[in-house]
């Protein structure tokens, strides 16, 4: 298995909400949490919206969708 297959090439971080529906509380957009990545000292969430486009949000603003 190379780095691309296990996510280490992109500095992905395990998170309890991966694969679950979440909401970005800043924009109120919802979707599935696809990845959490360390960007310098910040953690960035990558979320796939209902339109199947991914968008970024600071992880601090991501909560489980109700």
C-alpha atoms as a PDB file:
ATOM      1  CA  UNK A   1       0.000   0.000   0.000  1.00  0.00           C
ATOM      2  CA  UNK A   2       1.446   3.351  -0.933  1.00  0.00           C
ATOM      3  CA  UNK A   3       0.842   6.741   0.705  1.00  0.00           C
ATOM      4  CA  UNK A   4      -2.008   7.662  -1.657  1.00  0.00           C
ATOM      5  CA  UNK A   5      -3.994   4.606  -0.612  1.00  0.00           C
ATOM      6  CA  UNK A   6      -3.885   5.210   3.121  1.00  0.00           C
ATOM      7  CA  UNK A   7      -4.279   9.005   3.044  1.00  0.00           C
ATOM      8  CA  UNK A   8      -0.883   9.924   4.469  1.00  0.00           C
ATOM      9  CA  UNK A   9       0.109  11.790   1.313  1.00  0.00           C
ATOM     10  CA  UNK A  10      -2.544  14.390   2.084  1.00  0.00           C
ATOM     11  CA  UNK A  11      -2.071  14.518   5.875  1.00  0.00           C
ATOM     12  CA  UNK A  12      -5.580  13.157   6.497  1.00  0.00           C
ATOM     13  CA  UNK A  13      -6.563  12.867  10.129  1.00  0.00           C
ATOM     14  CA  UNK A  14      -8.971  10.312  11.592  1.00  0.00           C
ATOM     15  CA  UNK A  15     -12.147  11.908  12.957  1.00  0.00           C
ATOM     16  CA  UNK A  16     -15.275  10.469  14.593  1.00  0.00           C
ATOM     17  CA  UNK A  17     -17.591  12.212  12.105  1.00  0.00           C
ATOM     18  CA  UNK A  18     -15.959  10.933   8.894  1.00  0.00           C
ATOM     19  CA  UNK A  19     -18.625   9.553   6.584  1.00  0.00           C
ATOM     20  CA  UNK A  20     -21.442  11.169   8.576  1.00  0.00           C
ATOM     21  CA  UNK A  21     -23.754  14.099   7.785  1.00  0.00           C
ATOM     22  CA  UNK A  22     -22.437  17.347   9.182  1.00  0.00           C
ATOM     23  CA  UNK A  23     -23.239  21.057   9.030  1.00  0.00           C
ATOM     24  CA  UNK A  24     -20.842  23.969   8.664  1.00  0.00           C
ATOM     25  CA  UNK A  25     -22.256  26.364  11.283  1.00  0.00           C
ATOM     26  CA  UNK A  26     -20.813  29.423   9.507  1.00  0.00           C
ATOM     27  CA  UNK A  27     -22.481  28.877   6.131  1.00  0.00           C
ATOM     28  CA  UNK A  28     -25.224  26.457   7.303  1.00  0.00           C
ATOM     29  CA  UNK A  29     -24.317  24.147   4.400  1.00  0.00           C
ATOM     30  CA  UNK A  30     -24.742  20.425   5.056  1.00  0.00           C
ATOM     31  CA  UNK A  31     -23.090  17.355   3.631  1.00  0.00           C
ATOM     32  CA  UNK A  32     -20.972  14.296   4.313  1.00  0.00           C
ATOM     33  CA  UNK A  33     -17.621  14.780   6.027  1.00  0.00           C
ATOM     34  CA  UNK A  34     -15.127  13.295   3.570  1.00  0.00           C
ATOM     35  CA  UNK A  35     -11.763  14.255   5.093  1.00  0.00           C
ATOM     36  CA  UNK A  36     -10.024  16.234   7.794  1.00  0.00           C
ATOM     37  CA  UNK A  37      -6.656  17.686   6.830  1.00  0.00           C
ATOM     38  CA  UNK A  38      -4.051  19.565   8.812  1.00  0.00           C
ATOM     39  CA  UNK A  39      -3.236  22.828   7.045  1.00  0.00           C
ATOM     40  CA  UNK A  40      -0.371  24.385   8.933  1.00  0.00           C
ATOM     41  CA  UNK A  41      -1.734  24.667  12.458  1.00  0.00           C
ATOM     42  CA  UNK A  42      -5.414  24.614  11.411  1.00  0.00           C
ATOM     43  CA  UNK A  43      -7.673  21.626  10.802  1.00  0.00           C
ATOM     44  CA  UNK A  44      -9.788  21.836   7.655  1.00  0.00           C
ATOM     45  CA  UNK A  45     -12.887  19.731   6.976  1.00  0.00           C
ATOM     46  CA  UNK A  46     -13.757  18.682   3.440  1.00  0.00           C
ATOM     47  CA  UNK A  47     -17.490  18.200   3.096  1.00  0.00           C
ATOM     48  CA  UNK A  48     -19.413  16.837   0.094  1.00  0.00           C
ATOM     49  CA  UNK A  49     -22.655  18.754  -0.270  1.00  0.00           C
ATOM     50  CA  UNK A  50     -25.942  17.483  -1.677  1.00  0.00           C
ATOM     51  CA  UNK A  51     -24.863  18.817  -5.084  1.00  0.00           C
ATOM     52  CA  UNK A  52     -21.857  16.408  -4.891  1.00  0.00           C
ATOM     53  CA  UNK A  53     -19.370  19.274  -4.811  1.00  0.00           C
ATOM     54  CA  UNK A  54     -16.858  19.395  -2.000  1.00  0.00           C
ATOM     55  CA  UNK A  55     -16.333  22.506   0.060  1.00  0.00           C
ATOM     56  CA  UNK A  56     -13.930  23.375   2.848  1.00  0.00           C
ATOM     57  CA  UNK A  57     -14.742  24.562   6.346  1.00  0.00           C
ATOM     58  CA  UNK A  58     -12.652  25.094   9.461  1.00  0.00           C
ATOM     59  CA  UNK A  59     -13.157  21.997  11.598  1.00  0.00           C
ATOM     60  CA  UNK A  60     -14.043  24.182  14.596  1.00  0.00           C
ATOM     61  CA  UNK A  61     -17.278  25.145  12.794  1.00  0.00           C
ATOM     62  CA  UNK A  62     -18.361  21.600  11.853  1.00  0.00           C
ATOM     63  CA  UNK A  63     -21.062  19.863  13.888  1.00  0.00           C
ATOM     64  CA  UNK A  64     -23.148  16.703  13.385  1.00  0.00           C
ATOM     65  CA  UNK A  65     -26.299  17.392  11.349  1.00  0.00           C
ATOM     66  CA  UNK A  66     -29.588  16.781  13.095  1.00  0.00           C
END
